Amino acid sequence: ALAGGVASNSALREKMENMTKKEGMQLYFPPPVLCTDN
């Protein structure tokens, strides 16, 4: 899973999606409004 403000970064999400898929892992991350402080 990803969390925190940087978890909204599009490059991080895309790269992590590609890497977890390659490793047969499941990836989760919140929508941007729940990545910033809330």
PDB file of all heavy atoms in Angstrom:
ATOM      1  N   ALA A   1       0.843  -1.202   0.000  1.00  0.00           N
ATOM      2  CA  ALA A   1       0.000   0.000   0.000  1.00  0.00           C
ATOM      3  C   ALA A   1       0.875   1.248   0.000  1.00  0.00           C
ATOM      4  O   ALA A   1       2.035   1.214   0.422  1.00  0.00           O
ATOM      5  CB  ALA A   1      -0.923   0.003   1.213  1.00  0.00           C
ATOM      6  N   LEU A   2       0.303   2.336  -0.472  1.00  0.00           N
ATOM      7  CA  LEU A   2       0.955   3.649  -0.437  1.00  0.00           C
ATOM      8  C   LEU A   2       0.132   4.571   0.455  1.00  0.00           C
ATOM      9  O   LEU A   2      -1.085   4.415   0.567  1.00  0.00           O
ATOM     10  CB  LEU A   2       1.038   4.257  -1.837  1.00  0.00           C
ATOM     11  CG  LEU A   2       1.756   3.463  -2.920  1.00  0.00           C
ATOM     12  CD1 LEU A   2       1.691   4.219  -4.247  1.00  0.00           C
ATOM     13  CD2 LEU A   2       3.203   3.201  -2.529  1.00  0.00           C
ATOM     14  N   ALA A   3       0.799   5.545   1.068  1.00  0.00           N
ATOM     15  CA  ALA A   3       0.091   6.514   1.896  1.00  0.00           C
ATOM     16  C   ALA A   3       0.916   7.786   2.002  1.00  0.00           C
ATOM     17  O   ALA A   3       2.115   7.793   1.734  1.00  0.00           O
ATOM     18  CB  ALA A   3      -0.172   5.929   3.290  1.00  0.00           C
ATOM     19  N   GLY A   4       0.263   8.875   2.390  1.00  0.00           N
ATOM     20  CA  GLY A   4       0.956  10.151   2.531  1.00  0.00           C
ATOM     21  C   GLY A   4       0.848  10.994   1.275  1.00  0.00           C
ATOM     22  O   GLY A   4       0.444  10.513   0.209  1.00  0.00           O
ATOM     23  N   GLY A   5       1.233  12.255   1.387  1.00  0.00           N
ATOM     24  CA  GLY A   5       1.094  13.186   0.276  1.00  0.00           C
ATOM     25  C   GLY A   5       1.793  12.765  -0.990  1.00  0.00           C
ATOM     26  O   GLY A   5       1.280  12.952  -2.096  1.00  0.00           O
ATOM     27  N   VAL A   6       2.988  12.177  -0.865  1.00  0.00           N
ATOM     28  CA  VAL A   6       3.746  11.755  -2.044  1.00  0.00           C
ATOM     29  C   VAL A   6       3.072  10.576  -2.743  1.00  0.00           C
ATOM     30  O   VAL A   6       3.341  10.302  -3.916  1.00  0.00           O
ATOM     31  CB  VAL A   6       5.204  11.419  -1.661  1.00  0.00           C
ATOM     32  CG1 VAL A   6       6.024  10.990  -2.873  1.00  0.00           C
ATOM     33  CG2 VAL A   6       5.872  12.640  -1.014  1.00  0.00           C
ATOM     34  N   ALA A   7       2.173   9.887  -2.049  1.00  0.00           N
ATOM     35  CA  ALA A   7       1.445   8.773  -2.665  1.00  0.00           C
ATOM     36  C   ALA A   7       0.538   9.251  -3.792  1.00  0.00           C
ATOM     37  O   ALA A   7       0.044   8.441  -4.583  1.00  0.00           O
ATOM     38  CB  ALA A   7       0.618   8.025  -1.614  1.00  0.00           C
ATOM     39  N   SER A   8       0.331  10.569  -3.895  1.00  0.00           N
ATOM     40  CA  SER A   8      -0.454  11.126  -5.004  1.00  0.00           C
ATOM     41  C   SER A   8       0.382  11.304  -6.263  1.00  0.00           C
ATOM     42  O   SER A   8      -0.165  11.558  -7.333  1.00  0.00           O
ATOM     43  CB  SER A   8      -1.039  12.490  -4.610  1.00  0.00           C
ATOM     44  OG  SER A   8      -1.989  12.346  -3.587  1.00  0.00           O
ATOM     45  N   ASN A   9       1.701  11.181  -6.144  1.00  0.00           N
ATOM     46  CA  ASN A   9       2.582  11.388  -7.281  1.00  0.00           C
ATOM     47  C   ASN A   9       2.298  10.362  -8.377  1.00  0.00           C
ATOM     48  O   ASN A   9       2.350   9.150  -8.120  1.00  0.00           O
ATOM     49  CB  ASN A   9       4.035  11.305  -6.823  1.00  0.00           C
ATOM     50  CG  ASN A   9       5.026  11.541  -7.944  1.00  0.00           C
ATOM     51  OD1 ASN A   9       5.392  10.617  -8.667  1.00  0.00           O
ATOM     52  ND2 ASN A   9       5.473  12.762  -8.102  1.00  0.00           N
ATOM     53  N   SER A  10       2.019  10.824  -9.583  1.00  0.00           N
ATOM     54  CA  SER A  10       1.607   9.923 -10.667  1.00  0.00           C
ATOM     55  C   SER A  10       2.731   8.976 -11.079  1.00  0.00           C
ATOM     56  O   SER A  10       2.488   7.803 -11.402  1.00  0.00           O
ATOM     57  CB  SER A  10       1.135  10.730 -11.870  1.00  0.00           C
ATOM     58  OG  SER A  10       2.177  11.547 -12.392  1.00  0.00           O
ATOM     59  N   ALA A  11       3.982   9.454 -11.068  1.00  0.00           N
ATOM     60  CA  ALA A  11       5.110   8.598 -11.447  1.00  0.00           C
ATOM     61  C   ALA A  11       5.316   7.488 -10.426  1.00  0.00           C
ATOM     62  O   ALA A  11       5.605   6.347 -10.786  1.00  0.00           O
ATOM     63  CB  ALA A  11       6.376   9.430 -11.589  1.00  0.00           C
ATOM     64  N   LEU A  12       5.173   7.824  -9.145  1.00  0.00           N
ATOM     65  CA  LEU A  12       5.318   6.820  -8.087  1.00  0.00           C
ATOM     66  C   LEU A  12       4.237   5.759  -8.222  1.00  0.00           C
ATOM     67  O   LEU A  12       4.519   4.551  -8.135  1.00  0.00           O
ATOM     68  CB  LEU A  12       5.234   7.487  -6.717  1.00  0.00           C
ATOM     69  CG  LEU A  12       5.259   6.538  -5.518  1.00  0.00           C
ATOM     70  CD1 LEU A  12       6.584   5.790  -5.434  1.00  0.00           C
ATOM     71  CD2 LEU A  12       4.992   7.300  -4.213  1.00  0.00           C
ATOM     72  N   ARG A  13       3.008   6.175  -8.446  1.00  0.00           N
ATOM     73  CA  ARG A  13       1.904   5.213  -8.573  1.00  0.00           C
ATOM     74  C   ARG A  13       2.110   4.297  -9.778  1.00  0.00           C
ATOM     75  O   ARG A  13       1.941   3.077  -9.679  1.00  0.00           O
ATOM     76  CB  ARG A  13       0.575   5.956  -8.702  1.00  0.00           C
ATOM     77  CG  ARG A  13       0.147   6.673  -7.440  1.00  0.00           C
ATOM     78  CD  ARG A  13      -1.286   7.152  -7.551  1.00  0.00           C
ATOM     79  NE  ARG A  13      -1.706   7.869  -6.353  1.00  0.00           N
ATOM     80  CZ  ARG A  13      -2.959   7.960  -5.925  1.00  0.00           C
ATOM     81  NH1 ARG A  13      -3.921   7.374  -6.597  1.00  0.00           N
ATOM     82  NH2 ARG A  13      -3.264   8.625  -4.837  1.00  0.00           N
ATOM     83  N   GLU A  14       2.476   4.896 -10.905  1.00  0.00           N
ATOM     84  CA  GLU A  14       2.662   4.095 -12.121  1.00  0.00           C
ATOM     85  C   GLU A  14       3.812   3.109 -11.959  1.00  0.00           C
ATOM     86  O   GLU A  14       3.693   1.930 -12.330  1.00  0.00           O
ATOM     87  CB  GLU A  14       2.923   5.016 -13.309  1.00  0.00           C
ATOM     88  CG  GLU A  14       3.087   4.269 -14.632  1.00  0.00           C
ATOM     89  CD  GLU A  14       3.325   5.203 -15.801  1.00  0.00           C
ATOM     90  OE1 GLU A  14       3.258   6.440 -15.620  1.00  0.00           O
ATOM     91  OE2 GLU A  14       3.588   4.703 -16.916  1.00  0.00           O
ATOM     92  N   LYS A  15       4.911   3.587 -11.396  1.00  0.00           N
ATOM     93  CA  LYS A  15       6.075   2.726 -11.222  1.00  0.00           C
ATOM     94  C   LYS A  15       5.787   1.600 -10.234  1.00  0.00           C
ATOM     95  O   LYS A  15       6.150   0.440 -10.468  1.00  0.00           O
ATOM     96  CB  LYS A  15       7.266   3.558 -10.737  1.00  0.00           C
ATOM     97  CG  LYS A  15       8.606   2.855 -10.825  1.00  0.00           C
ATOM     98  CD  LYS A  15       9.753   3.826 -10.554  1.00  0.00           C
ATOM     99  CE  LYS A  15       9.881   4.866 -11.660  1.00  0.00           C
ATOM    100  NZ  LYS A  15      11.048   5.758 -11.462  1.00  0.00           N
ATOM    101  N   MET A  16       5.100   1.940  -9.138  1.00  0.00           N
ATOM    102  CA  MET A  16       4.784   0.915  -8.142  1.00  0.00           C
ATOM    103  C   MET A  16       3.771  -0.085  -8.692  1.00  0.00           C
ATOM    104  O   MET A  16       3.850  -1.287  -8.404  1.00  0.00           O
ATOM    105  CB  MET A  16       4.241   1.572  -6.875  1.00  0.00           C
ATOM    106  CG  MET A  16       4.162   0.621  -5.683  1.00  0.00           C
ATOM    107  SD  MET A  16       5.783   0.166  -5.005  1.00  0.00           S
ATOM    108  CE  MET A  16       6.056   1.541  -3.885  1.00  0.00           C
ATOM    109  N   GLU A  17       2.845   0.369  -9.511  1.00  0.00           N
ATOM    110  CA  GLU A  17       1.878  -0.541 -10.139  1.00  0.00           C
ATOM    111  C   GLU A  17       2.591  -1.543 -11.043  1.00  0.00           C
ATOM    112  O   GLU A  17       2.292  -2.742 -11.025  1.00  0.00           O
ATOM    113  CB  GLU A  17       0.840   0.251 -10.941  1.00  0.00           C
ATOM    114  CG  GLU A  17      -0.232   0.889 -10.099  1.00  0.00           C
ATOM    115  CD  GLU A  17      -1.258   1.641 -10.930  1.00  0.00           C
ATOM    116  OE1 GLU A  17      -0.875   2.218 -11.979  1.00  0.00           O
ATOM    117  OE2 GLU A  17      -2.436   1.652 -10.535  1.00  0.00           O
ATOM    118  N   ASN A  18       3.542  -1.046 -11.832  1.00  0.00           N
ATOM    119  CA  ASN A  18       4.286  -1.922 -12.734  1.00  0.00           C
ATOM    120  C   ASN A  18       5.130  -2.943 -11.962  1.00  0.00           C
ATOM    121  O   ASN A  18       5.188  -4.123 -12.325  1.00  0.00           O
ATOM    122  CB  ASN A  18       5.187  -1.094 -13.654  1.00  0.00           C
ATOM    123  CG  ASN A  18       4.398  -0.271 -14.653  1.00  0.00           C
ATOM    124  OD1 ASN A  18       3.267  -0.614 -14.989  1.00  0.00           O
ATOM    125  ND2 ASN A  18       4.974   0.818 -15.131  1.00  0.00           N
ATOM    126  N   MET A  19       5.781  -2.488 -10.897  1.00  0.00           N
ATOM    127  CA  MET A  19       6.668  -3.374 -10.137  1.00  0.00           C
ATOM    128  C   MET A  19       5.891  -4.412  -9.343  1.00  0.00           C
ATOM    129  O   MET A  19       6.281  -5.579  -9.274  1.00  0.00           O
ATOM    130  CB  MET A  19       7.573  -2.551  -9.217  1.00  0.00           C
ATOM    131  CG  MET A  19       8.583  -1.697  -9.971  1.00  0.00           C
ATOM    132  SD  MET A  19       9.663  -0.718  -8.904  1.00  0.00           S
ATOM    133  CE  MET A  19      10.681  -1.997  -8.162  1.00  0.00           C
ATOM    134  N   THR A  20       4.769  -4.011  -8.727  1.00  0.00           N
ATOM    135  CA  THR A  20       3.978  -4.980  -7.966  1.00  0.00           C
ATOM    136  C   THR A  20       3.334  -6.002  -8.902  1.00  0.00           C
ATOM    137  O   THR A  20       3.252  -7.191  -8.579  1.00  0.00           O
ATOM    138  CB  THR A  20       2.879  -4.268  -7.144  1.00  0.00           C
ATOM    139  OG1 THR A  20       2.135  -3.368  -7.984  1.00  0.00           O
ATOM    140  CG2 THR A  20       3.494  -3.499  -5.993  1.00  0.00           C
ATOM    141  N   LYS A  21       2.900  -5.539 -10.065  1.00  0.00           N
ATOM    142  CA  LYS A  21       2.315  -6.471 -11.045  1.00  0.00           C
ATOM    143  C   LYS A  21       3.346  -7.500 -11.488  1.00  0.00           C
ATOM    144  O   LYS A  21       3.044  -8.698 -11.602  1.00  0.00           O
ATOM    145  CB  LYS A  21       1.791  -5.693 -12.250  1.00  0.00           C
ATOM    146  CG  LYS A  21       1.065  -6.545 -13.270  1.00  0.00           C
ATOM    147  CD  LYS A  21       0.497  -5.686 -14.395  1.00  0.00           C
ATOM    148  CE  LYS A  21      -0.252  -6.542 -15.411  1.00  0.00           C
ATOM    149  NZ  LYS A  21      -0.815  -5.710 -16.525  1.00  0.00           N
ATOM    150  N   LYS A  22       4.569  -7.043 -11.718  1.00  0.00           N
ATOM    151  CA  LYS A  22       5.645  -7.946 -12.132  1.00  0.00           C
ATOM    152  C   LYS A  22       5.935  -8.981 -11.062  1.00  0.00           C
ATOM    153  O   LYS A  22       6.278 -10.135 -11.371  1.00  0.00           O
ATOM    154  CB  LYS A  22       6.909  -7.126 -12.431  1.00  0.00           C
ATOM    155  CG  LYS A  22       8.085  -7.944 -12.927  1.00  0.00           C
ATOM    156  CD  LYS A  22       9.275  -7.055 -13.223  1.00  0.00           C
ATOM    157  CE  LYS A  22      10.479  -7.877 -13.678  1.00  0.00           C
ATOM    158  NZ  LYS A  22      11.662  -7.000 -13.940  1.00  0.00           N
ATOM    159  N   GLU A  23       5.789  -8.579  -9.780  1.00  0.00           N
ATOM    160  CA  GLU A  23       6.078  -9.484  -8.666  1.00  0.00           C
ATOM    161  C   GLU A  23       4.850 -10.285  -8.222  1.00  0.00           C
ATOM    162  O   GLU A  23       4.924 -11.045  -7.261  1.00  0.00           O
ATOM    163  CB  GLU A  23       6.609  -8.682  -7.476  1.00  0.00           C
ATOM    164  CG  GLU A  23       7.913  -7.955  -7.728  1.00  0.00           C
ATOM    165  CD  GLU A  23       9.094  -8.899  -7.912  1.00  0.00           C
ATOM    166  OE1 GLU A  23       8.994 -10.066  -7.486  1.00  0.00           O
ATOM    167  OE2 GLU A  23      10.115  -8.468  -8.477  1.00  0.00           O
ATOM    168  N   GLY A  24       3.730 -10.098  -8.907  1.00  0.00           N
ATOM    169  CA  GLY A  24       2.513 -10.806  -8.528  1.00  0.00           C
ATOM    170  C   GLY A  24       1.915 -10.294  -7.232  1.00  0.00           C
ATOM    171  O   GLY A  24       1.264 -11.032  -6.492  1.00  0.00           O
ATOM    172  N   MET A  25       2.100  -9.001  -6.961  1.00  0.00           N
ATOM    173  CA  MET A  25       1.597  -8.387  -5.738  1.00  0.00           C
ATOM    174  C   MET A  25       0.386  -7.512  -6.028  1.00  0.00           C
ATOM    175  O   MET A  25       0.196  -7.061  -7.152  1.00  0.00           O
ATOM    176  CB  MET A  25       2.694  -7.531  -5.075  1.00  0.00           C
ATOM    177  CG  MET A  25       3.925  -8.307  -4.644  1.00  0.00           C
ATOM    178  SD  MET A  25       5.209  -7.193  -3.989  1.00  0.00           S
ATOM    179  CE  MET A  25       6.474  -8.391  -3.518  1.00  0.00           C
ATOM    180  N   GLN A  26      -0.405  -7.271  -4.991  1.00  0.00           N
ATOM    181  CA  GLN A  26      -1.572  -6.400  -5.092  1.00  0.00           C
ATOM    182  C   GLN A  26      -1.221  -5.039  -4.512  1.00  0.00           C
ATOM    183  O   GLN A  26      -0.638  -4.946  -3.434  1.00  0.00           O
ATOM    184  CB  GLN A  26      -2.754  -6.996  -4.318  1.00  0.00           C
ATOM    185  CG  GLN A  26      -4.044  -6.207  -4.410  1.00  0.00           C
ATOM    186  CD  GLN A  26      -4.692  -6.283  -5.784  1.00  0.00           C
ATOM    187  OE1 GLN A  26      -4.677  -7.335  -6.419  1.00  0.00           O
ATOM    188  NE2 GLN A  26      -5.263  -5.180  -6.232  1.00  0.00           N
ATOM    189  N   LEU A  27      -1.563  -3.961  -5.221  1.00  0.00           N
ATOM    190  CA  LEU A  27      -1.242  -2.611  -4.771  1.00  0.00           C
ATOM    191  C   LEU A  27      -2.512  -1.840  -4.420  1.00  0.00           C
ATOM    192  O   LEU A  27      -3.500  -1.882  -5.148  1.00  0.00           O
ATOM    193  CB  LEU A  27      -0.477  -1.851  -5.857  1.00  0.00           C
ATOM    194  CG  LEU A  27      -0.137  -0.390  -5.552  1.00  0.00           C
ATOM    195  CD1 LEU A  27       0.824  -0.288  -4.374  1.00  0.00           C
ATOM    196  CD2 LEU A  27       0.450   0.295  -6.787  1.00  0.00           C
ATOM    197  N   TYR A  28      -2.452  -1.124  -3.292  1.00  0.00           N
ATOM    198  CA  TYR A  28      -3.553  -0.265  -2.860  1.00  0.00           C
ATOM    199  C   TYR A  28      -3.022   1.139  -2.586  1.00  0.00           C
ATOM    200  O   TYR A  28      -1.901   1.303  -2.108  1.00  0.00           O
ATOM    201  CB  TYR A  28      -4.193  -0.797  -1.574  1.00  0.00           C
ATOM    202  CG  TYR A  28      -4.890  -2.121  -1.722  1.00  0.00           C
ATOM    203  CD1 TYR A  28      -4.212  -3.320  -1.504  1.00  0.00           C
ATOM    204  CD2 TYR A  28      -6.244  -2.187  -2.066  1.00  0.00           C
ATOM    205  CE1 TYR A  28      -4.850  -4.546  -1.633  1.00  0.00           C
ATOM    206  CE2 TYR A  28      -6.891  -3.412  -2.202  1.00  0.00           C
ATOM    207  CZ  TYR A  28      -6.190  -4.587  -1.979  1.00  0.00           C
ATOM    208  OH  TYR A  28      -6.825  -5.789  -2.111  1.00  0.00           O
ATOM    209  N   PHE A  29      -3.820   2.148  -2.894  1.00  0.00           N
ATOM    210  CA  PHE A  29      -3.488   3.513  -2.481  1.00  0.00           C
ATOM    211  C   PHE A  29      -4.777   4.315  -2.396  1.00  0.00           C
ATOM    212  O   PHE A  29      -5.745   4.047  -3.101  1.00  0.00           O
ATOM    213  CB  PHE A  29      -2.482   4.182  -3.420  1.00  0.00           C
ATOM    214  CG  PHE A  29      -2.776   4.051  -4.884  1.00  0.00           C
ATOM    215  CD1 PHE A  29      -3.769   4.813  -5.491  1.00  0.00           C
ATOM    216  CD2 PHE A  29      -2.046   3.161  -5.676  1.00  0.00           C
ATOM    217  CE1 PHE A  29      -4.027   4.700  -6.847  1.00  0.00           C
ATOM    218  CE2 PHE A  29      -2.296   3.035  -7.032  1.00  0.00           C
ATOM    219  CZ  PHE A  29      -3.288   3.813  -7.620  1.00  0.00           C
ATOM    220  N   PRO A  30      -4.819   5.323  -1.522  1.00  0.00           N
ATOM    221  CA  PRO A  30      -6.035   6.118  -1.346  1.00  0.00           C
ATOM    222  C   PRO A  30      -6.174   7.154  -2.462  1.00  0.00           C
ATOM    223  O   PRO A  30      -5.205   7.462  -3.163  1.00  0.00           O
ATOM    224  CB  PRO A  30      -5.801   6.828   0.001  1.00  0.00           C
ATOM    225  CG  PRO A  30      -4.536   6.252   0.567  1.00  0.00           C
ATOM    226  CD  PRO A  30      -3.766   5.718  -0.591  1.00  0.00           C
ATOM    227  N   PRO A  31      -7.359   7.736  -2.621  1.00  0.00           N
ATOM    228  CA  PRO A  31      -7.512   8.856  -3.546  1.00  0.00           C
ATOM    229  C   PRO A  31      -6.726  10.052  -3.011  1.00  0.00           C
ATOM    230  O   PRO A  31      -6.429  10.119  -1.809  1.00  0.00           O
ATOM    231  CB  PRO A  31      -9.020   9.124  -3.539  1.00  0.00           C
ATOM    232  CG  PRO A  31      -9.484   8.609  -2.212  1.00  0.00           C
ATOM    233  CD  PRO A  31      -8.627   7.420  -1.930  1.00  0.00           C
ATOM    234  N   PRO A  32      -6.383  11.024  -3.863  1.00  0.00           N
ATOM    235  CA  PRO A  32      -5.571  12.166  -3.427  1.00  0.00           C
ATOM    236  C   PRO A  32      -6.087  12.882  -2.188  1.00  0.00           C
ATOM    237  O   PRO A  32      -5.307  13.320  -1.346  1.00  0.00           O
ATOM    238  CB  PRO A  32      -5.584  13.074  -4.655  1.00  0.00           C
ATOM    239  CG  PRO A  32      -5.701  12.126  -5.807  1.00  0.00           C
ATOM    240  CD  PRO A  32      -6.623  11.041  -5.326  1.00  0.00           C
ATOM    241  N   VAL A  33      -7.417  13.009  -2.042  1.00  0.00           N
ATOM    242  CA  VAL A  33      -7.970  13.739  -0.901  1.00  0.00           C
ATOM    243  C   VAL A  33      -7.652  13.050   0.421  1.00  0.00           C
ATOM    244  O   VAL A  33      -7.614  13.695   1.481  1.00  0.00           O
ATOM    245  CB  VAL A  33      -9.498  13.929  -1.055  1.00  0.00           C
ATOM    246  CG1 VAL A  33     -10.232  12.601  -0.913  1.00  0.00           C
ATOM    247  CG2 VAL A  33     -10.019  14.961  -0.050  1.00  0.00           C
ATOM    248  N   LEU A  34      -7.384  11.748   0.385  1.00  0.00           N
ATOM    249  CA  LEU A  34      -7.028  11.016   1.595  1.00  0.00           C
ATOM    250  C   LEU A  34      -5.528  10.779   1.710  1.00  0.00           C
ATOM    251  O   LEU A  34      -5.059  10.129   2.649  1.00  0.00           O
ATOM    252  CB  LEU A  34      -7.768   9.668   1.658  1.00  0.00           C
ATOM    253  CG  LEU A  34      -9.283   9.740   1.774  1.00  0.00           C
ATOM    254  CD1 LEU A  34      -9.883   8.345   1.908  1.00  0.00           C
ATOM    255  CD2 LEU A  34      -9.710  10.618   2.961  1.00  0.00           C
ATOM    256  N   CYS A  35      -4.759  11.301   0.743  1.00  0.00           N
ATOM    257  CA  CYS A  35      -3.300  11.229   0.827  1.00  0.00           C
ATOM    258  C   CYS A  35      -2.751  12.425   1.602  1.00  0.00           C
ATOM    259  O   CYS A  35      -1.816  12.290   2.392  1.00  0.00           O
ATOM    260  CB  CYS A  35      -2.680  11.193  -0.572  1.00  0.00           C
ATOM    261  SG  CYS A  35      -2.927   9.638  -1.451  1.00  0.00           S
ATOM    262  N   THR A  36      -3.344  13.593   1.371  1.00  0.00           N
ATOM    263  CA  THR A  36      -2.932  14.770   2.133  1.00  0.00           C
ATOM    264  C   THR A  36      -3.431  14.630   3.566  1.00  0.00           C
ATOM    265  O   THR A  36      -4.217  13.739   3.889  1.00  0.00           O
ATOM    266  CB  THR A  36      -3.529  16.046   1.516  1.00  0.00           C
ATOM    267  OG1 THR A  36      -4.950  15.914   1.463  1.00  0.00           O
ATOM    268  CG2 THR A  36      -2.992  16.269   0.118  1.00  0.00           C
ATOM    269  N   ASP A  37      -2.967  15.525   4.448  1.00  0.00           N
ATOM    270  CA  ASP A  37      -3.414  15.472   5.840  1.00  0.00           C
ATOM    271  C   ASP A  37      -4.919  15.664   5.904  1.00  0.00           C
ATOM    272  O   ASP A  37      -5.464  16.623   5.335  1.00  0.00           O
ATOM    273  CB  ASP A  37      -2.715  16.553   6.663  1.00  0.00           C
ATOM    274  CG  ASP A  37      -1.235  16.267   6.851  1.00  0.00           C
ATOM    275  OD1 ASP A  37      -0.805  15.128   6.563  1.00  0.00           O
ATOM    276  OD2 ASP A  37      -0.511  17.175   7.303  1.00  0.00           O
ATOM    277  N   ASN A  38      -5.597  14.775   6.618  1.00  0.00           N
ATOM    278  CA  ASN A  38      -7.049  14.822   6.734  1.00  0.00           C
ATOM    279  C   ASN A  38      -7.466  14.156   8.038  1.00  0.00           C
ATOM    280  O   ASN A  38      -6.674  13.460   8.676  1.00  0.00           O
ATOM    281  CB  ASN A  38      -7.711  14.136   5.533  1.00  0.00           C
ATOM    282  CG  ASN A  38      -7.392  12.652   5.475  1.00  0.00           C
ATOM    283  OD1 ASN A  38      -8.092  11.836   6.087  1.00  0.00           O
ATOM    284  ND2 ASN A  38      -6.330  12.263   4.773  1.00  0.00           N
TER     285      ASN A  38
END
